[in-house]
Amino acid sequence: MYQRMSLFLLTFMFMVFIVTACGNQDNGNVNQESEEVSSQENEANDDQNEEKQQKVDITASEDHDETVVNKSNASNDEDKPLPKDIEIYDEVQTDEGVIFELEKITFENDYIEVHFNAENLSGYRVLFARAGAAKGDNLGGITLQDNTGFDYRYVADEEARLEVEDQEKIDAIVRFVGSIQEDAQTLTLKFNPEENMDMHPKFTYEDIELEW
């Protein structure tokens, strides 16, 4: 009787051991399959991310090409022909005692500069650009126009009116925004173009020829 019970217990323990081992093996297979599925999913995600990255790179490349095109256009603008600098050095003196010398006009791609010097011996303060810088429809106290009728607008800071005290002398450069028109042949330059300037001097230079 005792031997039968011992044999039964051994048989039962052996069966439990076999069942446990099979369960562990199944779990191992399940874990391995899970790892394989997870690995496949990760690879798929990596492929998708790589595809997205390629799309981003292509977009960036397209943007870069557009920038290059824009720079190329800018370069073409910089290479456009400009007139030669105009040296004038014309000096005049008003009855009131204001001495004015227009020195030269120079040309850049997006602006034009007028160089001059002046001395005020009138006994009172004068303004060489009483209306100041151009604003809206007002072209300002100094105007520059070509023979096609195109106006180049006078731009300046707080000193736009060019105030000169008695016995004071200035060397100045004033700037007009805009590239010279390709079909322009002459320029007209006016200081204080308005009527009724009172004591402020007026200077007008017409038919200034451009040499291309």
Protein backbone atom coordinates (compact mmCIF):
# COMPACT_ATOMS: atom_id res chain seq x y z
CA MET A 1 0.00 0.00 0.00
CA TYR A 2 2.76 2.38 0.92
CA GLN A 3 4.68 1.56 -2.27
CA ARG A 4 1.58 2.29 -4.41
CA MET A 5 1.14 5.68 -2.78
CA SER A 6 4.81 6.52 -3.38
CA LEU A 7 4.55 5.46 -7.01
CA PHE A 8 1.39 7.55 -7.46
CA LEU A 9 3.08 10.64 -6.01
CA LEU A 10 6.11 10.22 -8.21
CA THR A 11 3.91 9.80 -11.26
CA PHE A 12 1.89 12.93 -10.36
CA MET A 13 5.02 15.03 -9.77
CA PHE A 14 6.47 13.84 -13.07
CA MET A 15 3.30 14.87 -14.92
CA VAL A 16 3.33 18.30 -13.21
CA PHE A 17 6.94 18.77 -14.24
CA ILE A 18 6.17 17.91 -17.86
CA VAL A 19 3.17 20.27 -17.96
CA THR A 20 5.22 23.11 -16.44
CA ALA A 21 8.06 22.58 -18.89
CA CYS A 22 5.66 22.62 -21.84
CA GLY A 23 4.06 25.80 -20.54
CA ASN A 24 7.42 27.52 -20.23
CA GLN A 25 8.32 26.45 -23.75
CA ASP A 26 5.03 27.82 -25.07
CA ASN A 27 5.62 31.10 -23.24
CA GLY A 28 9.11 31.24 -24.69
CA ASN A 29 7.71 30.73 -28.19
CA VAL A 30 5.06 33.39 -27.58
CA ASN A 31 7.68 35.83 -26.30
CA GLN A 32 9.90 35.06 -29.26
CA GLU A 33 7.00 35.58 -31.67
CA SER A 34 6.14 38.86 -29.90
CA GLU A 35 9.72 40.01 -30.21
CA GLU A 36 9.74 39.10 -33.91
CA VAL A 37 6.47 41.00 -34.51
CA SER A 38 7.77 43.98 -32.54
CA SER A 39 11.00 43.89 -34.54
CA GLN A 40 9.06 43.80 -37.81
CA GLU A 41 6.88 46.71 -36.68
CA ASN A 42 9.99 48.71 -35.71
CA GLU A 43 11.53 48.02 -39.12
CA ALA A 44 8.32 49.14 -40.81
CA ASN A 45 8.29 52.33 -38.71
CA ASP A 46 11.94 52.92 -39.56
CA ASP A 47 11.13 52.54 -43.27
CA GLN A 48 8.23 54.99 -42.93
CA ASN A 49 10.41 57.47 -41.03
CA GLU A 50 13.11 57.12 -43.67
CA GLU A 51 10.53 57.75 -46.39
CA LYS A 52 9.29 60.85 -44.56
CA GLN A 53 12.87 62.03 -44.11
CA GLN A 54 13.47 61.63 -47.84
CA LYS A 55 10.38 63.72 -48.55
CA VAL A 56 11.64 66.43 -46.21
CA ASP A 57 15.03 66.36 -47.87
CA ILE A 58 13.42 66.71 -51.29
CA THR A 59 11.34 69.67 -50.10
CA ALA A 60 14.38 71.31 -48.61
CA SER A 61 16.21 70.76 -51.89
CA GLU A 62 13.37 72.36 -53.80
CA ASP A 63 13.42 75.36 -51.45
CA HIS A 64 17.16 75.63 -51.88
CA ASP A 65 16.80 75.61 -55.67
CA GLU A 66 14.21 78.39 -55.40
CA THR A 67 16.62 80.42 -53.27
CA VAL A 68 19.34 79.89 -55.85
CA VAL A 69 17.00 81.11 -58.57
CA ASN A 70 16.17 84.21 -56.53
CA LYS A 71 19.85 84.89 -55.94
CA SER A 72 20.46 84.42 -59.63
CA ASN A 73 17.80 87.01 -60.41
CA ALA A 74 19.35 89.38 -57.88
CA SER A 75 22.70 88.83 -59.52
CA ASN A 76 21.15 89.72 -62.87
CA ASP A 77 19.85 92.97 -61.35
CA GLU A 78 23.31 93.76 -60.06
CA ASP A 79 24.74 93.20 -63.54
CA LYS A 80 22.31 95.55 -65.26
CA PRO A 81 24.02 98.49 -67.00
CA LEU A 82 24.28 101.81 -65.15
CA PRO A 83 25.25 105.24 -66.46
CA LYS A 84 28.70 106.57 -65.77
CA ASP A 85 29.07 108.88 -62.78
CA ILE A 86 28.44 112.50 -63.77
CA GLU A 87 31.04 115.04 -62.61
CA ILE A 88 29.71 118.60 -62.71
CA TYR A 89 31.47 120.89 -60.19
CA ASP A 90 29.26 123.85 -61.09
CA GLU A 91 29.34 126.71 -58.55
CA VAL A 92 26.76 129.48 -58.28
CA GLN A 93 26.14 132.28 -55.79
CA THR A 94 22.79 133.86 -54.99
CA ASP A 95 22.21 137.57 -54.46
CA GLU A 96 21.60 136.80 -50.77
CA GLY A 97 25.11 135.37 -50.35
CA VAL A 98 24.54 131.60 -50.55
CA ILE A 99 27.28 129.75 -52.43
CA PHE A 100 26.29 126.38 -53.88
CA GLU A 101 28.40 123.86 -55.82
CA LEU A 102 26.89 120.73 -57.40
CA GLU A 103 29.79 118.28 -57.51
CA LYS A 104 28.62 114.99 -59.01
CA ILE A 105 25.83 112.42 -59.42
CA THR A 106 26.54 108.72 -58.91
CA PHE A 107 24.45 105.64 -59.70
CA GLU A 108 23.94 102.37 -57.83
CA ASN A 109 21.59 99.44 -58.47
CA ASP A 110 18.81 100.71 -56.21
CA TYR A 111 19.55 104.38 -55.55
CA ILE A 112 21.12 107.55 -56.93
CA GLU A 113 23.33 109.94 -54.95
CA VAL A 114 23.85 113.68 -55.46
CA HIS A 115 27.00 115.23 -53.97
CA PHE A 116 27.25 118.97 -53.28
CA ASN A 117 28.72 121.56 -50.94
CA ALA A 118 27.29 124.89 -49.84
CA GLU A 119 28.20 127.92 -47.75
CA ASN A 120 25.71 130.30 -46.16
CA LEU A 121 26.88 133.94 -46.02
CA SER A 122 23.40 135.44 -46.10
CA GLY A 123 23.24 136.56 -42.48
CA TYR A 124 20.37 134.21 -41.60
CA ARG A 125 19.50 130.52 -41.51
CA VAL A 126 18.54 128.82 -44.81
CA LEU A 127 17.07 125.46 -45.79
CA PHE A 128 18.18 123.66 -48.94
CA ALA A 129 15.24 121.22 -48.80
CA ARG A 130 12.46 122.98 -46.93
CA ALA A 131 9.79 120.31 -47.66
CA GLY A 132 11.97 117.54 -46.21
CA ALA A 133 11.99 113.95 -47.44
CA ALA A 134 9.41 112.61 -49.90
CA LYS A 135 6.14 111.47 -48.29
CA GLY A 136 3.12 110.20 -50.16
CA ASP A 137 2.33 112.46 -53.09
CA ASN A 138 4.82 115.06 -51.85
CA LEU A 139 8.16 114.50 -53.59
CA GLY A 140 9.98 116.50 -50.91
CA GLY A 141 12.38 119.40 -50.82
CA ILE A 142 14.70 117.99 -53.51
CA THR A 143 13.35 116.36 -56.66
CA LEU A 144 15.04 114.23 -59.30
CA GLN A 145 13.24 113.28 -62.50
CA ASP A 146 14.39 111.72 -65.77
CA ASN A 147 13.22 112.63 -69.27
CA THR A 148 10.70 109.74 -69.27
CA GLY A 149 8.83 111.43 -66.39
CA PHE A 150 9.99 108.95 -63.74
CA ASP A 151 10.50 110.50 -60.28
CA TYR A 152 13.23 109.25 -57.93
CA ARG A 153 12.07 109.91 -54.37
CA TYR A 154 14.25 111.85 -51.94
CA VAL A 155 14.96 109.78 -48.81
CA ALA A 156 16.63 111.16 -45.67
CA ASP A 157 16.67 111.06 -41.88
CA GLU A 158 15.78 113.88 -39.43
CA GLU A 159 18.20 116.21 -41.26
CA ALA A 160 16.10 115.98 -44.42
CA ARG A 161 15.54 119.74 -44.66
CA LEU A 162 19.31 120.48 -44.82
CA GLU A 163 19.33 123.41 -42.43
CA VAL A 164 22.43 125.64 -42.65
CA GLU A 165 23.09 128.47 -40.20
CA ASP A 166 24.70 131.77 -41.15
CA GLN A 167 28.45 131.49 -41.79
CA GLU A 168 28.16 127.69 -41.88
CA LYS A 169 29.49 125.46 -44.66
CA ILE A 170 28.39 121.90 -45.44
CA ASP A 171 29.49 119.01 -47.62
CA ALA A 172 26.47 116.79 -48.26
CA ILE A 173 25.28 113.70 -50.11
CA VAL A 174 21.55 113.23 -50.69
CA ARG A 175 20.01 109.98 -51.88
CA PHE A 176 17.11 109.15 -54.18
CA VAL A 177 15.61 105.69 -54.10
CA GLY A 178 15.20 103.68 -57.30
CA SER A 179 17.39 102.30 -60.04
CA ILE A 180 17.90 104.56 -63.02
CA GLN A 181 15.47 103.74 -65.84
CA GLU A 182 17.19 101.99 -68.74
CA ASP A 183 15.66 104.33 -71.33
CA ALA A 184 16.49 107.53 -69.42
CA GLN A 185 18.71 110.00 -71.28
CA THR A 186 18.65 113.16 -69.12
CA LEU A 187 17.89 114.23 -65.54
CA THR A 188 16.36 117.31 -63.93
CA LEU A 189 17.44 118.13 -60.37
CA LYS A 190 15.73 120.78 -58.21
CA PHE A 191 16.50 122.07 -54.73
CA ASN A 192 13.42 123.71 -53.15
CA PRO A 193 11.18 123.21 -56.20
CA GLU A 194 8.14 124.80 -54.48
CA GLU A 195 6.98 128.30 -55.25
CA ASN A 196 7.31 131.15 -52.73
CA MET A 197 10.50 129.97 -51.08
CA ASP A 198 10.90 133.32 -49.35
CA MET A 199 14.50 133.55 -48.18
CA HIS A 200 15.39 129.90 -48.94
CA PRO A 201 17.56 129.39 -52.05
CA LYS A 202 16.35 127.58 -55.16
CA PHE A 203 18.67 125.68 -57.49
CA THR A 204 17.58 123.97 -60.70
CA TYR A 205 19.67 121.83 -63.07
CA GLU A 206 17.95 120.71 -66.25
CA ASP A 207 18.97 118.38 -69.08
CA ILE A 208 21.80 116.69 -67.20
CA GLU A 209 22.93 114.18 -69.80
CA LEU A 210 23.45 110.52 -68.94
CA GLU A 211 26.34 108.63 -70.51
CA TRP A 212 25.73 104.87 -70.71
